[in-house]
Amino acid sequence: MQFPFIETVNIQNITIDKFLFLEAEEKQNLVQCSCWFGNSYYIFDIVTEKYNELLSAYPDNQYAEAAEYWILGINNYPNEGEPVYDIWNLTDIKKFMSKYPNSKLTPNIIIDIAESYAQTYD
């Protein structure tokens, strides 16, 4: 895979996998902030594309777990007012937790599931 930004990465003295992860995080921040300024709020394709690029090029790197967690959240991102996760279909969450049984992100997932149940019964 050819990365056009390799010169920039070398100048900044960071690894390509870290650069891809940081780029994906920034795109996610921009998309989430845009809800105040336009209708791009729900267009997460540019974010998942970057996380998938990272996972494709570096599937076992130190950022893979966080990238998969964010993809999980983005793929299950609701419309405003809907539960965070579909509480009747937790297959993706179970896969993530099986792959990363000691994940530091598990409490975040548990909170999201609890919020989903609370919103469903609200």
PDB file of N, CA and C in Angstrom:
ATOM      1  N   MET A   1       0.841  -1.173   0.000  1.00  0.00           N
ATOM      2  CA  MET A   1       0.000   0.000   0.000  1.00  0.00           C
ATOM      3  C   MET A   1       0.894   1.247   0.000  1.00  0.00           C
ATOM      4  N   GLN A   2       0.615   2.164  -0.883  1.00  0.00           N
ATOM      5  CA  GLN A   2       1.393   3.394  -1.016  1.00  0.00           C
ATOM      6  C   GLN A   2       0.701   4.514  -0.241  1.00  0.00           C
ATOM      7  N   PHE A   3       1.422   5.161   0.647  1.00  0.00           N
ATOM      8  CA  PHE A   3       0.857   6.246   1.435  1.00  0.00           C
ATOM      9  C   PHE A   3       1.425   7.568   0.949  1.00  0.00           C
ATOM     10  N   PRO A   4       0.590   8.470   0.429  1.00  0.00           N
ATOM     11  CA  PRO A   4       1.065   9.736  -0.122  1.00  0.00           C
ATOM     12  C   PRO A   4       1.603  10.689   0.931  1.00  0.00           C
ATOM     13  N   PHE A   5       1.286  10.444   2.184  1.00  0.00           N
ATOM     14  CA  PHE A   5       1.679  11.360   3.240  1.00  0.00           C
ATOM     15  C   PHE A   5       2.967  10.927   3.952  1.00  0.00           C
ATOM     16  N   ILE A   6       3.679   9.961   3.396  1.00  0.00           N
ATOM     17  CA  ILE A   6       4.852   9.386   4.054  1.00  0.00           C
ATOM     18  C   ILE A   6       5.896  10.438   4.412  1.00  0.00           C
ATOM     19  N   GLU A   7       6.084  11.438   3.564  1.00  0.00           N
ATOM     20  CA  GLU A   7       7.062  12.482   3.846  1.00  0.00           C
ATOM     21  C   GLU A   7       6.651  13.284   5.087  1.00  0.00           C
ATOM     22  N   THR A   8       5.379  13.595   5.201  1.00  0.00           N
ATOM     23  CA  THR A   8       4.873  14.319   6.366  1.00  0.00           C
ATOM     24  C   THR A   8       5.067  13.504   7.631  1.00  0.00           C
ATOM     25  N   VAL A   9       4.802  12.209   7.557  1.00  0.00           N
ATOM     26  CA  VAL A   9       4.972  11.327   8.707  1.00  0.00           C
ATOM     27  C   VAL A   9       6.429  11.308   9.143  1.00  0.00           C
ATOM     28  N   ASN A  10       7.335  11.234   8.193  1.00  0.00           N
ATOM     29  CA  ASN A  10       8.752  11.230   8.525  1.00  0.00           C
ATOM     30  C   ASN A  10       9.175  12.529   9.202  1.00  0.00           C
ATOM     31  N   ILE A  11       8.662  13.650   8.719  1.00  0.00           N
ATOM     32  CA  ILE A  11       8.999  14.945   9.303  1.00  0.00           C
ATOM     33  C   ILE A  11       8.494  15.021  10.742  1.00  0.00           C
ATOM     34  N   GLN A  12       7.299  14.520  10.986  1.00  0.00           N
ATOM     35  CA  GLN A  12       6.707  14.566  12.323  1.00  0.00           C
ATOM     36  C   GLN A  12       7.263  13.483  13.245  1.00  0.00           C
ATOM     37  N   ASN A  13       8.003  12.542  12.691  1.00  0.00           N
ATOM     38  CA  ASN A  13       8.623  11.469  13.452  1.00  0.00           C
ATOM     39  C   ASN A  13       7.590  10.604  14.198  1.00  0.00           C
ATOM     40  N   ILE A  14       6.508  10.237  13.496  1.00  0.00           N
ATOM     41  CA  ILE A  14       5.535   9.303  14.046  1.00  0.00           C
ATOM     42  C   ILE A  14       5.380   8.147  13.068  1.00  0.00           C
ATOM     43  N   THR A  15       4.847   7.052  13.577  1.00  0.00           N
ATOM     44  CA  THR A  15       4.657   5.881  12.719  1.00  0.00           C
ATOM     45  C   THR A  15       3.420   6.084  11.845  1.00  0.00           C
ATOM     46  N   ILE A  16       3.385   5.358  10.742  1.00  0.00           N
ATOM     47  CA  ILE A  16       2.258   5.483   9.816  1.00  0.00           C
ATOM     48  C   ILE A  16       0.969   5.017  10.480  1.00  0.00           C
ATOM     49  N   ASP A  17       1.021   3.945  11.269  1.00  0.00           N
ATOM     50  CA  ASP A  17      -0.198   3.474  11.924  1.00  0.00           C
ATOM     51  C   ASP A  17      -0.744   4.513  12.898  1.00  0.00           C
ATOM     52  N   LYS A  18       0.140   5.182  13.620  1.00  0.00           N
ATOM     53  CA  LYS A  18      -0.315   6.233  14.535  1.00  0.00           C
ATOM     54  C   LYS A  18      -0.911   7.404  13.743  1.00  0.00           C
ATOM     55  N   PHE A  19      -0.271   7.759  12.628  1.00  0.00           N
ATOM     56  CA  PHE A  19      -0.789   8.840  11.790  1.00  0.00           C
ATOM     57  C   PHE A  19      -2.194   8.513  11.300  1.00  0.00           C
ATOM     58  N   LEU A  20      -2.401   7.294  10.814  1.00  0.00           N
ATOM     59  CA  LEU A  20      -3.724   6.885  10.329  1.00  0.00           C
ATOM     60  C   LEU A  20      -4.767   6.942  11.443  1.00  0.00           C
ATOM     61  N   PHE A  21      -4.377   6.481  12.629  1.00  0.00           N
ATOM     62  CA  PHE A  21      -5.302   6.495  13.757  1.00  0.00           C
ATOM     63  C   PHE A  21      -5.662   7.925  14.145  1.00  0.00           C
ATOM     64  N   LEU A  22      -4.667   8.790  14.236  1.00  0.00           N
ATOM     65  CA  LEU A  22      -4.922  10.190  14.592  1.00  0.00           C
ATOM     66  C   LEU A  22      -5.774  10.893  13.534  1.00  0.00           C
ATOM     67  N   GLU A  23      -5.515  10.564  12.268  1.00  0.00           N
ATOM     68  CA  GLU A  23      -6.306  11.157  11.189  1.00  0.00           C
ATOM     69  C   GLU A  23      -7.773  10.716  11.299  1.00  0.00           C
ATOM     70  N   ALA A  24      -7.991   9.441  11.585  1.00  0.00           N
ATOM     71  CA  ALA A  24      -9.358   8.940  11.746  1.00  0.00           C
ATOM     72  C   ALA A  24     -10.047   9.605  12.932  1.00  0.00           C
ATOM     73  N   GLU A  25      -9.331   9.755  14.041  1.00  0.00           N
ATOM     74  CA  GLU A  25      -9.906  10.417  15.214  1.00  0.00           C
ATOM     75  C   GLU A  25     -10.315  11.853  14.902  1.00  0.00           C
ATOM     76  N   GLU A  26      -9.465  12.563  14.184  1.00  0.00           N
ATOM     77  CA  GLU A  26      -9.776  13.953  13.846  1.00  0.00           C
ATOM     78  C   GLU A  26     -10.978  14.046  12.914  1.00  0.00           C
ATOM     79  N   LYS A  27     -11.054  13.131  11.966  1.00  0.00           N
ATOM     80  CA  LYS A  27     -12.223  13.130  11.075  1.00  0.00           C
ATOM     81  C   LYS A  27     -13.490  12.839  11.868  1.00  0.00           C
ATOM     82  N   GLN A  28     -13.399  11.945  12.825  1.00  0.00           N
ATOM     83  CA  GLN A  28     -14.556  11.639  13.661  1.00  0.00           C
ATOM     84  C   GLN A  28     -14.968  12.871  14.468  1.00  0.00           C
ATOM     85  N   ASN A  29     -14.008  13.574  15.031  1.00  0.00           N
ATOM     86  CA  ASN A  29     -14.318  14.797  15.776  1.00  0.00           C
ATOM     87  C   ASN A  29     -15.000  15.826  14.890  1.00  0.00           C
ATOM     88  N   LEU A  30     -14.507  15.970  13.672  1.00  0.00           N
ATOM     89  CA  LEU A  30     -15.094  16.939  12.757  1.00  0.00           C
ATOM     90  C   LEU A  30     -16.529  16.570  12.381  1.00  0.00           C
ATOM     91  N   VAL A  31     -16.761  15.294  12.112  1.00  0.00           N
ATOM     92  CA  VAL A  31     -18.109  14.855  11.746  1.00  0.00           C
ATOM     93  C   VAL A  31     -19.062  15.064  12.912  1.00  0.00           C
ATOM     94  N   GLN A  32     -18.627  14.722  14.123  1.00  0.00           N
ATOM     95  CA  GLN A  32     -19.496  14.881  15.285  1.00  0.00           C
ATOM     96  C   GLN A  32     -19.766  16.357  15.587  1.00  0.00           C
ATOM     97  N   CYS A  33     -18.790  17.208  15.393  1.00  0.00           N
ATOM     98  CA  CYS A  33     -18.982  18.643  15.633  1.00  0.00           C
ATOM     99  C   CYS A  33     -19.873  19.278  14.576  1.00  0.00           C
ATOM    100  N   SER A  34     -19.895  18.703  13.395  1.00  0.00           N
ATOM    101  CA  SER A  34     -20.632  19.328  12.300  1.00  0.00           C
ATOM    102  C   SER A  34     -22.137  19.310  12.512  1.00  0.00           C
ATOM    103  N   CYS A  35     -22.615  18.580  13.519  1.00  0.00           N
ATOM    104  CA  CYS A  35     -24.054  18.560  13.768  1.00  0.00           C
ATOM    105  C   CYS A  35     -24.570  19.961  14.081  1.00  0.00           C
ATOM    106  N   TRP A  36     -23.696  20.816  14.538  1.00  0.00           N
ATOM    107  CA  TRP A  36     -24.111  22.181  14.871  1.00  0.00           C
ATOM    108  C   TRP A  36     -24.107  23.088  13.649  1.00  0.00           C
ATOM    109  N   PHE A  37     -23.473  22.633  12.573  1.00  0.00           N
ATOM    110  CA  PHE A  37     -23.269  23.515  11.432  1.00  0.00           C
ATOM    111  C   PHE A  37     -23.859  23.007  10.121  1.00  0.00           C
ATOM    112  N   GLY A  38     -24.305  21.765  10.077  1.00  0.00           N
ATOM    113  CA  GLY A  38     -24.808  21.252   8.807  1.00  0.00           C
ATOM    114  C   GLY A  38     -25.318  19.840   8.932  1.00  0.00           C
ATOM    115  N   ASN A  39     -25.663  19.240   7.831  1.00  0.00           N
ATOM    116  CA  ASN A  39     -26.267  17.915   7.861  1.00  0.00           C
ATOM    117  C   ASN A  39     -25.272  16.787   7.680  1.00  0.00           C
ATOM    118  N   SER A  40     -23.976  17.049   7.752  1.00  0.00           N
ATOM    119  CA  SER A  40     -22.985  15.980   7.607  1.00  0.00           C
ATOM    120  C   SER A  40     -22.828  15.178   8.894  1.00  0.00           C
ATOM    121  N   TYR A  41     -23.608  15.491   9.897  1.00  0.00           N
ATOM    122  CA  TYR A  41     -23.552  14.836  11.195  1.00  0.00           C
ATOM    123  C   TYR A  41     -23.618  13.320  11.093  1.00  0.00           C
ATOM    124  N   TYR A  42     -24.417  12.802  10.197  1.00  0.00           N
ATOM    125  CA  TYR A  42     -24.608  11.358  10.109  1.00  0.00           C
ATOM    126  C   TYR A  42     -23.727  10.693   9.062  1.00  0.00           C
ATOM    127  N   ILE A  43     -22.845  11.422   8.424  1.00  0.00           N
ATOM    128  CA  ILE A  43     -22.004  10.848   7.378  1.00  0.00           C
ATOM    129  C   ILE A  43     -20.664  10.418   7.987  1.00  0.00           C
ATOM    130  N   PHE A  44     -20.634   9.192   8.478  1.00  0.00           N
ATOM    131  CA  PHE A  44     -19.440   8.671   9.123  1.00  0.00           C
ATOM    132  C   PHE A  44     -18.566   7.864   8.167  1.00  0.00           C
ATOM    133  N   ASP A  45     -18.931   7.810   6.881  1.00  0.00           N
ATOM    134  CA  ASP A  45     -18.157   7.023   5.924  1.00  0.00           C
ATOM    135  C   ASP A  45     -16.698   7.448   5.873  1.00  0.00           C
ATOM    136  N   ILE A  46     -16.432   8.748   5.980  1.00  0.00           N
ATOM    137  CA  ILE A  46     -15.044   9.208   5.909  1.00  0.00           C
ATOM    138  C   ILE A  46     -14.246   8.745   7.119  1.00  0.00           C
ATOM    139  N   VAL A  47     -14.935   8.501   8.219  1.00  0.00           N
ATOM    140  CA  VAL A  47     -14.261   8.032   9.430  1.00  0.00           C
ATOM    141  C   VAL A  47     -14.008   6.532   9.349  1.00  0.00           C
ATOM    142  N   THR A  48     -15.054   5.760   9.026  1.00  0.00           N
ATOM    143  CA  THR A  48     -14.878   4.306   8.958  1.00  0.00           C
ATOM    144  C   THR A  48     -13.885   3.938   7.863  1.00  0.00           C
ATOM    145  N   GLU A  49     -13.870   4.703   6.788  1.00  0.00           N
ATOM    146  CA  GLU A  49     -12.906   4.457   5.713  1.00  0.00           C
ATOM    147  C   GLU A  49     -11.473   4.551   6.240  1.00  0.00           C
ATOM    148  N   LYS A  50     -11.204   5.549   7.059  1.00  0.00           N
ATOM    149  CA  LYS A  50      -9.850   5.744   7.593  1.00  0.00           C
ATOM    150  C   LYS A  50      -9.500   4.670   8.624  1.00  0.00           C
ATOM    151  N   TYR A  51     -10.455   4.322   9.519  1.00  0.00           N
ATOM    152  CA  TYR A  51     -10.200   3.243  10.485  1.00  0.00           C
ATOM    153  C   TYR A  51      -9.986   1.922   9.759  1.00  0.00           C
ATOM    154  N   ASN A  52     -10.770   1.654   8.720  1.00  0.00           N
ATOM    155  CA  ASN A  52     -10.593   0.420   7.951  1.00  0.00           C
ATOM    156  C   ASN A  52      -9.264   0.398   7.212  1.00  0.00           C
ATOM    157  N   GLU A  53      -8.821   1.554   6.745  1.00  0.00           N
ATOM    158  CA  GLU A  53      -7.510   1.641   6.107  1.00  0.00           C
ATOM    159  C   GLU A  53      -6.419   1.264   7.107  1.00  0.00           C
ATOM    160  N   LEU A  54      -6.531   1.761   8.311  1.00  0.00           N
ATOM    161  CA  LEU A  54      -5.579   1.426   9.371  1.00  0.00           C
ATOM    162  C   LEU A  54      -5.596  -0.074   9.661  1.00  0.00           C
ATOM    163  N   LEU A  55      -6.796  -0.641   9.823  1.00  0.00           N
ATOM    164  CA  LEU A  55      -6.908  -2.065  10.146  1.00  0.00           C
ATOM    165  C   LEU A  55      -6.456  -2.953   8.994  1.00  0.00           C
ATOM    166  N   SER A  56      -6.659  -2.493   7.777  1.00  0.00           N
ATOM    167  CA  SER A  56      -6.229  -3.261   6.615  1.00  0.00           C
ATOM    168  C   SER A  56      -4.698  -3.298   6.512  1.00  0.00           C
ATOM    169  N   ALA A  57      -4.085  -2.161   6.722  1.00  0.00           N
ATOM    170  CA  ALA A  57      -2.627  -2.075   6.594  1.00  0.00           C
ATOM    171  C   ALA A  57      -1.901  -2.602   7.832  1.00  0.00           C
ATOM    172  N   TYR A  58      -2.502  -2.420   9.004  1.00  0.00           N
ATOM    173  CA  TYR A  58      -1.865  -2.795  10.270  1.00  0.00           C
ATOM    174  C   TYR A  58      -2.885  -3.473  11.192  1.00  0.00           C
ATOM    175  N   PRO A  59      -3.293  -4.699  10.870  1.00  0.00           N
ATOM    176  CA  PRO A  59      -4.383  -5.346  11.610  1.00  0.00           C
ATOM    177  C   PRO A  59      -4.071  -5.655  13.079  1.00  0.00           C
ATOM    178  N   ASP A  60      -2.818  -5.799  13.426  1.00  0.00           N
ATOM    179  CA  ASP A  60      -2.462  -6.175  14.800  1.00  0.00           C
ATOM    180  C   ASP A  60      -1.690  -5.085  15.526  1.00  0.00           C
ATOM    181  N   ASN A  61      -1.845  -3.850  15.110  1.00  0.00           N
ATOM    182  CA  ASN A  61      -1.074  -2.791  15.760  1.00  0.00           C
ATOM    183  C   ASN A  61      -1.727  -2.356  17.065  1.00  0.00           C
ATOM    184  N   GLN A  62      -1.061  -1.459  17.746  1.00  0.00           N
ATOM    185  CA  GLN A  62      -1.546  -1.011  19.048  1.00  0.00           C
ATOM    186  C   GLN A  62      -2.835  -0.192  18.979  1.00  0.00           C
ATOM    187  N   TYR A  63      -3.213   0.246  17.795  1.00  0.00           N
ATOM    188  CA  TYR A  63      -4.425   1.058  17.638  1.00  0.00           C
ATOM    189  C   TYR A  63      -5.613   0.248  17.134  1.00  0.00           C
ATOM    190  N   ALA A  64      -5.408  -1.020  16.832  1.00  0.00           N
ATOM    191  CA  ALA A  64      -6.465  -1.856  16.244  1.00  0.00           C
ATOM    192  C   ALA A  64      -7.683  -1.970  17.157  1.00  0.00           C
ATOM    193  N   GLU A  65      -7.454  -2.193  18.428  1.00  0.00           N
ATOM    194  CA  GLU A  65      -8.565  -2.346  19.367  1.00  0.00           C
ATOM    195  C   GLU A  65      -9.420  -1.080  19.412  1.00  0.00           C
ATOM    196  N   ALA A  66      -8.783   0.074  19.525  1.00  0.00           N
ATOM    197  CA  ALA A  66      -9.527   1.340  19.568  1.00  0.00           C
ATOM    198  C   ALA A  66     -10.237   1.590  18.242  1.00  0.00           C
ATOM    199  N   ALA A  67      -9.568   1.275  17.131  1.00  0.00           N
ATOM    200  CA  ALA A  67     -10.188   1.464  15.817  1.00  0.00           C
ATOM    201  C   ALA A  67     -11.426   0.580  15.677  1.00  0.00           C
ATOM    202  N   GLU A  68     -11.322  -0.677  16.079  1.00  0.00           N
ATOM    203  CA  GLU A  68     -12.480  -1.577  15.995  1.00  0.00           C
ATOM    204  C   GLU A  68     -13.597  -1.127  16.930  1.00  0.00           C
ATOM    205  N   TYR A  69     -13.245  -0.608  18.096  1.00  0.00           N
ATOM    206  CA  TYR A  69     -14.249  -0.092  19.023  1.00  0.00           C
ATOM    207  C   TYR A  69     -15.017   1.077  18.388  1.00  0.00           C
ATOM    208  N   TRP A  70     -14.289   1.991  17.775  1.00  0.00           N
ATOM    209  CA  TRP A  70     -14.949   3.153  17.166  1.00  0.00           C
ATOM    210  C   TRP A  70     -15.775   2.748  15.951  1.00  0.00           C
ATOM    211  N   ILE A  71     -15.290   1.783  15.174  1.00  0.00           N
ATOM    212  CA  ILE A  71     -16.087   1.286  14.046  1.00  0.00           C
ATOM    213  C   ILE A  71     -17.374   0.648  14.572  1.00  0.00           C
ATOM    214  N   LEU A  72     -17.267  -0.111  15.644  1.00  0.00           N
ATOM    215  CA  LEU A  72     -18.439  -0.721  16.266  1.00  0.00           C
ATOM    216  C   LEU A  72     -19.453   0.356  16.653  1.00  0.00           C
ATOM    217  N   GLY A  73     -18.987   1.400  17.296  1.00  0.00           N
ATOM    218  CA  GLY A  73     -19.876   2.486  17.695  1.00  0.00           C
ATOM    219  C   GLY A  73     -20.458   3.228  16.515  1.00  0.00           C
ATOM    220  N   ILE A  74     -19.636   3.483  15.504  1.00  0.00           N
ATOM    221  CA  ILE A  74     -20.094   4.209  14.321  1.00  0.00           C
ATOM    222  C   ILE A  74     -21.111   3.380  13.542  1.00  0.00           C
ATOM    223  N   ASN A  75     -20.832   2.082  13.379  1.00  0.00           N
ATOM    224  CA  ASN A  75     -21.762   1.219  12.649  1.00  0.00           C
ATOM    225  C   ASN A  75     -23.101   1.088  13.359  1.00  0.00           C
ATOM    226  N   ASN A  76     -23.090   1.266  14.655  1.00  0.00           N
ATOM    227  CA  ASN A  76     -24.327   1.159  15.435  1.00  0.00           C
ATOM    228  C   ASN A  76     -24.836   2.521  15.879  1.00  0.00           C
ATOM    229  N   TYR A  77     -24.307   3.582  15.266  1.00  0.00           N
ATOM    230  CA  TYR A  77     -24.679   4.933  15.675  1.00  0.00           C
ATOM    231  C   TYR A  77     -26.131   5.200  15.306  1.00  0.00           C
ATOM    232  N   PRO A  78     -26.893   5.645  16.272  1.00  0.00           N
ATOM    233  CA  PRO A  78     -28.325   5.821  16.035  1.00  0.00           C
ATOM    234  C   PRO A  78     -28.683   7.189  15.483  1.00  0.00           C
ATOM    235  N   ASN A  79     -29.921   7.296  15.078  1.00  0.00           N
ATOM    236  CA  ASN A  79     -30.478   8.616  14.828  1.00  0.00           C
ATOM    237  C   ASN A  79     -30.710   9.267  16.185  1.00  0.00           C
ATOM    238  N   GLU A  80     -30.841  10.553  16.196  1.00  0.00           N
ATOM    239  CA  GLU A  80     -30.996  11.274  17.457  1.00  0.00           C
ATOM    240  C   GLU A  80     -32.182  10.721  18.254  1.00  0.00           C
ATOM    241  N   GLY A  81     -31.927  10.430  19.535  1.00  0.00           N
ATOM    242  CA  GLY A  81     -32.977   9.935  20.413  1.00  0.00           C
ATOM    243  C   GLY A  81     -33.154   8.433  20.420  1.00  0.00           C
ATOM    244  N   GLU A  82     -32.457   7.736  19.544  1.00  0.00           N
ATOM    245  CA  GLU A  82     -32.554   6.273  19.514  1.00  0.00           C
ATOM    246  C   GLU A  82     -31.467   5.672  20.404  1.00  0.00           C
ATOM    247  N   PRO A  83     -31.644   4.412  20.826  1.00  0.00           N
ATOM    248  CA  PRO A  83     -30.614   3.770  21.642  1.00  0.00           C
ATOM    249  C   PRO A  83     -29.281   3.695  20.901  1.00  0.00           C
ATOM    250  N   VAL A  84     -28.197   3.684  21.654  1.00  0.00           N
ATOM    251  CA  VAL A  84     -26.861   3.636  21.061  1.00  0.00           C
ATOM    252  C   VAL A  84     -26.653   2.327  20.310  1.00  0.00           C
ATOM    253  N   TYR A  85     -27.066   1.218  20.897  1.00  0.00           N
ATOM    254  CA  TYR A  85     -26.962  -0.083  20.246  1.00  0.00           C
ATOM    255  C   TYR A  85     -28.346  -0.704  20.168  1.00  0.00           C
ATOM    256  N   ASP A  86     -28.551  -1.511  19.135  1.00  0.00           N
ATOM    257  CA  ASP A  86     -29.775  -2.292  19.044  1.00  0.00           C
ATOM    258  C   ASP A  86     -29.675  -3.385  20.103  1.00  0.00           C
ATOM    259  N   ILE A  87     -30.459  -3.265  21.161  1.00  0.00           N
ATOM    260  CA  ILE A  87     -30.317  -4.187  22.283  1.00  0.00           C
ATOM    261  C   ILE A  87     -30.725  -5.617  21.948  1.00  0.00           C
ATOM    262  N   TRP A  88     -31.385  -5.809  20.820  1.00  0.00           N
ATOM    263  CA  TRP A  88     -31.798  -7.152  20.446  1.00  0.00           C
ATOM    264  C   TRP A  88     -30.786  -7.820  19.526  1.00  0.00           C
ATOM    265  N   ASN A  89     -29.787  -7.099  19.085  1.00  0.00           N
ATOM    266  CA  ASN A  89     -28.765  -7.668  18.204  1.00  0.00           C
ATOM    267  C   ASN A  89     -27.393  -7.211  18.690  1.00  0.00           C
ATOM    268  N   LEU A  90     -26.823  -7.952  19.595  1.00  0.00           N
ATOM    269  CA  LEU A  90     -25.542  -7.591  20.194  1.00  0.00           C
ATOM    270  C   LEU A  90     -24.387  -8.423  19.632  1.00  0.00           C
ATOM    271  N   THR A  91     -24.569  -8.987  18.447  1.00  0.00           N
ATOM    272  CA  THR A  91     -23.564  -9.865  17.849  1.00  0.00           C
ATOM    273  C   THR A  91     -22.218  -9.184  17.694  1.00  0.00           C
ATOM    274  N   ASP A  92     -22.198  -7.965  17.166  1.00  0.00           N
ATOM    275  CA  ASP A  92     -20.929  -7.258  16.965  1.00  0.00           C
ATOM    276  C   ASP A  92     -20.234  -6.965  18.288  1.00  0.00           C
ATOM    277  N   ILE A  93     -21.031  -6.627  19.286  1.00  0.00           N
ATOM    278  CA  ILE A  93     -20.458  -6.347  20.603  1.00  0.00           C
ATOM    279  C   ILE A  93     -19.849  -7.616  21.186  1.00  0.00           C
ATOM    280  N   LYS A  94     -20.537  -8.731  21.051  1.00  0.00           N
ATOM    281  CA  LYS A  94     -20.012 -10.006  21.556  1.00  0.00           C
ATOM    282  C   LYS A  94     -18.713 -10.386  20.850  1.00  0.00           C
ATOM    283  N   LYS A  95     -18.646 -10.151  19.536  1.00  0.00           N
ATOM    284  CA  LYS A  95     -17.416 -10.438  18.782  1.00  0.00           C
ATOM    285  C   LYS A  95     -16.263  -9.588  19.297  1.00  0.00           C
ATOM    286  N   PHE A  96     -16.525  -8.311  19.500  1.00  0.00           N
ATOM    287  CA  PHE A  96     -15.479  -7.409  19.995  1.00  0.00           C
ATOM    288  C   PHE A  96     -14.995  -7.871  21.369  1.00  0.00           C
ATOM    289  N   MET A  97     -15.924  -8.180  22.254  1.00  0.00           N
ATOM    290  CA  MET A  97     -15.554  -8.570  23.614  1.00  0.00           C
ATOM    291  C   MET A  97     -14.858  -9.922  23.638  1.00  0.00           C
ATOM    292  N   SER A  98     -15.169 -10.793  22.680  1.00  0.00           N
ATOM    293  CA  SER A  98     -14.456 -12.077  22.580  1.00  0.00           C
ATOM    294  C   SER A  98     -13.032 -11.869  22.074  1.00  0.00           C
ATOM    295  N   LYS A  99     -12.888 -10.971  21.133  1.00  0.00           N
ATOM    296  CA  LYS A  99     -11.565 -10.696  20.563  1.00  0.00           C
ATOM    297  C   LYS A  99     -10.669  -9.959  21.555  1.00  0.00           C
ATOM    298  N   TYR A 100     -11.273  -9.068  22.353  1.00  0.00           N
ATOM    299  CA  TYR A 100     -10.525  -8.262  23.323  1.00  0.00           C
ATOM    300  C   TYR A 100     -11.123  -8.458  24.720  1.00  0.00           C
ATOM    301  N   PRO A 101     -10.933  -9.643  25.308  1.00  0.00           N
ATOM    302  CA  PRO A 101     -11.583  -9.933  26.599  1.00  0.00           C
ATOM    303  C   PRO A 101     -11.107  -9.036  27.750  1.00  0.00           C
ATOM    304  N   ASN A 102      -9.925  -8.491  27.661  1.00  0.00           N
ATOM    305  CA  ASN A 102      -9.390  -7.638  28.720  1.00  0.00           C
ATOM    306  C   ASN A 102      -9.336  -6.175  28.299  1.00  0.00           C
ATOM    307  N   SER A 103     -10.206  -5.797  27.395  1.00  0.00           N
ATOM    308  CA  SER A 103     -10.188  -4.446  26.844  1.00  0.00           C
ATOM    309  C   SER A 103     -10.512  -3.403  27.902  1.00  0.00           C
ATOM    310  N   LYS A 104      -9.760  -2.318  27.868  1.00  0.00           N
ATOM    311  CA  LYS A 104     -10.051  -1.181  28.736  1.00  0.00           C
ATOM    312  C   LYS A 104     -11.300  -0.435  28.253  1.00  0.00           C
ATOM    313  N   LEU A 105     -11.775  -0.777  27.052  1.00  0.00           N
ATOM    314  CA  LEU A 105     -12.954  -0.130  26.478  1.00  0.00           C
ATOM    315  C   LEU A 105     -14.264  -0.828  26.853  1.00  0.00           C
ATOM    316  N   THR A 106     -14.174  -1.996  27.490  1.00  0.00           N
ATOM    317  CA  THR A 106     -15.367  -2.751  27.873  1.00  0.00           C
ATOM    318  C   THR A 106     -16.322  -1.935  28.743  1.00  0.00           C
ATOM    319  N   PRO A 107     -15.832  -1.171  29.725  1.00  0.00           N
ATOM    320  CA  PRO A 107     -16.778  -0.352  30.508  1.00  0.00           C
ATOM    321  C   PRO A 107     -17.569   0.634  29.643  1.00  0.00           C
ATOM    322  N   ASN A 108     -16.933   1.194  28.619  1.00  0.00           N
ATOM    323  CA  ASN A 108     -17.643   2.108  27.712  1.00  0.00           C
ATOM    324  C   ASN A 108     -18.775   1.382  26.998  1.00  0.00           C
ATOM    325  N   ILE A 109     -18.506   0.156  26.554  1.00  0.00           N
ATOM    326  CA  ILE A 109     -19.523  -0.631  25.857  1.00  0.00           C
ATOM    327  C   ILE A 109     -20.672  -0.958  26.801  1.00  0.00           C
ATOM    328  N   ILE A 110     -20.344  -1.324  28.039  1.00  0.00           N
ATOM    329  CA  ILE A 110     -21.379  -1.652  29.028  1.00  0.00           C
ATOM    330  C   ILE A 110     -22.264  -0.433  29.292  1.00  0.00           C
ATOM    331  N   ILE A 111     -21.649   0.733  29.389  1.00  0.00           N
ATOM    332  CA  ILE A 111     -22.419   1.967  29.588  1.00  0.00           C
ATOM    333  C   ILE A 111     -23.332   2.223  28.387  1.00  0.00           C
ATOM    334  N   ASP A 112     -22.802   2.026  27.167  1.00  0.00           N
ATOM    335  CA  ASP A 112     -23.623   2.214  25.966  1.00  0.00           C
ATOM    336  C   ASP A 112     -24.814   1.264  25.946  1.00  0.00           C
ATOM    337  N   ILE A 113     -24.585   0.013  26.334  1.00  0.00           N
ATOM    338  CA  ILE A 113     -25.671  -0.968  26.370  1.00  0.00           C
ATOM    339  C   ILE A 113     -26.705  -0.561  27.420  1.00  0.00           C
ATOM    340  N   ALA A 114     -26.233  -0.132  28.591  1.00  0.00           N
ATOM    341  CA  ALA A 114     -27.156   0.300  29.650  1.00  0.00           C
ATOM    342  C   ALA A 114     -27.980   1.499  29.186  1.00  0.00           C
ATOM    343  N   GLU A 115     -27.333   2.443  28.509  1.00  0.00           N
ATOM    344  CA  GLU A 115     -28.061   3.605  27.987  1.00  0.00           C
ATOM    345  C   GLU A 115     -29.106   3.172  26.952  1.00  0.00           C
ATOM    346  N   SER A 116     -28.749   2.184  26.147  1.00  0.00           N
ATOM    347  CA  SER A 116     -29.695   1.680  25.148  1.00  0.00           C
ATOM    348  C   SER A 116     -30.933   1.091  25.815  1.00  0.00           C
ATOM    349  N   TYR A 117     -30.706   0.291  26.858  1.00  0.00           N
ATOM    350  CA  TYR A 117     -31.840  -0.275  27.587  1.00  0.00           C
ATOM    351  C   TYR A 117     -32.674   0.840  28.226  1.00  0.00           C
ATOM    352  N   ALA A 118     -32.001   1.809  28.824  1.00  0.00           N
ATOM    353  CA  ALA A 118     -32.713   2.906  29.490  1.00  0.00           C
ATOM    354  C   ALA A 118     -33.549   3.702  28.486  1.00  0.00           C
ATOM    355  N   GLN A 119     -32.989   3.993  27.323  1.00  0.00           N
ATOM    356  CA  GLN A 119     -33.712   4.747  26.308  1.00  0.00           C
ATOM    357  C   GLN A 119     -34.861   3.943  25.728  1.00  0.00           C
ATOM    358  N   THR A 120     -34.675   2.625  25.633  1.00  0.00           N
ATOM    359  CA  THR A 120     -35.720   1.770  25.088  1.00  0.00           C
ATOM    360  C   THR A 120     -36.931   1.736  26.023  1.00  0.00           C
ATOM    361  N   TYR A 121     -36.672   1.751  27.301  1.00  0.00           N
ATOM    362  CA  TYR A 121     -37.771   1.646  28.278  1.00  0.00           C
ATOM    363  C   TYR A 121     -38.175   2.988  28.836  1.00  0.00           C
ATOM    364  N   ASP A 122     -37.646   4.053  28.295  1.00  0.00           N
ATOM    365  CA  ASP A 122     -37.952   5.397  28.782  1.00  0.00           C
ATOM    366  C   ASP A 122     -39.344   5.815  28.388  1.00  0.00           C
TER     367      ASP A 122
END
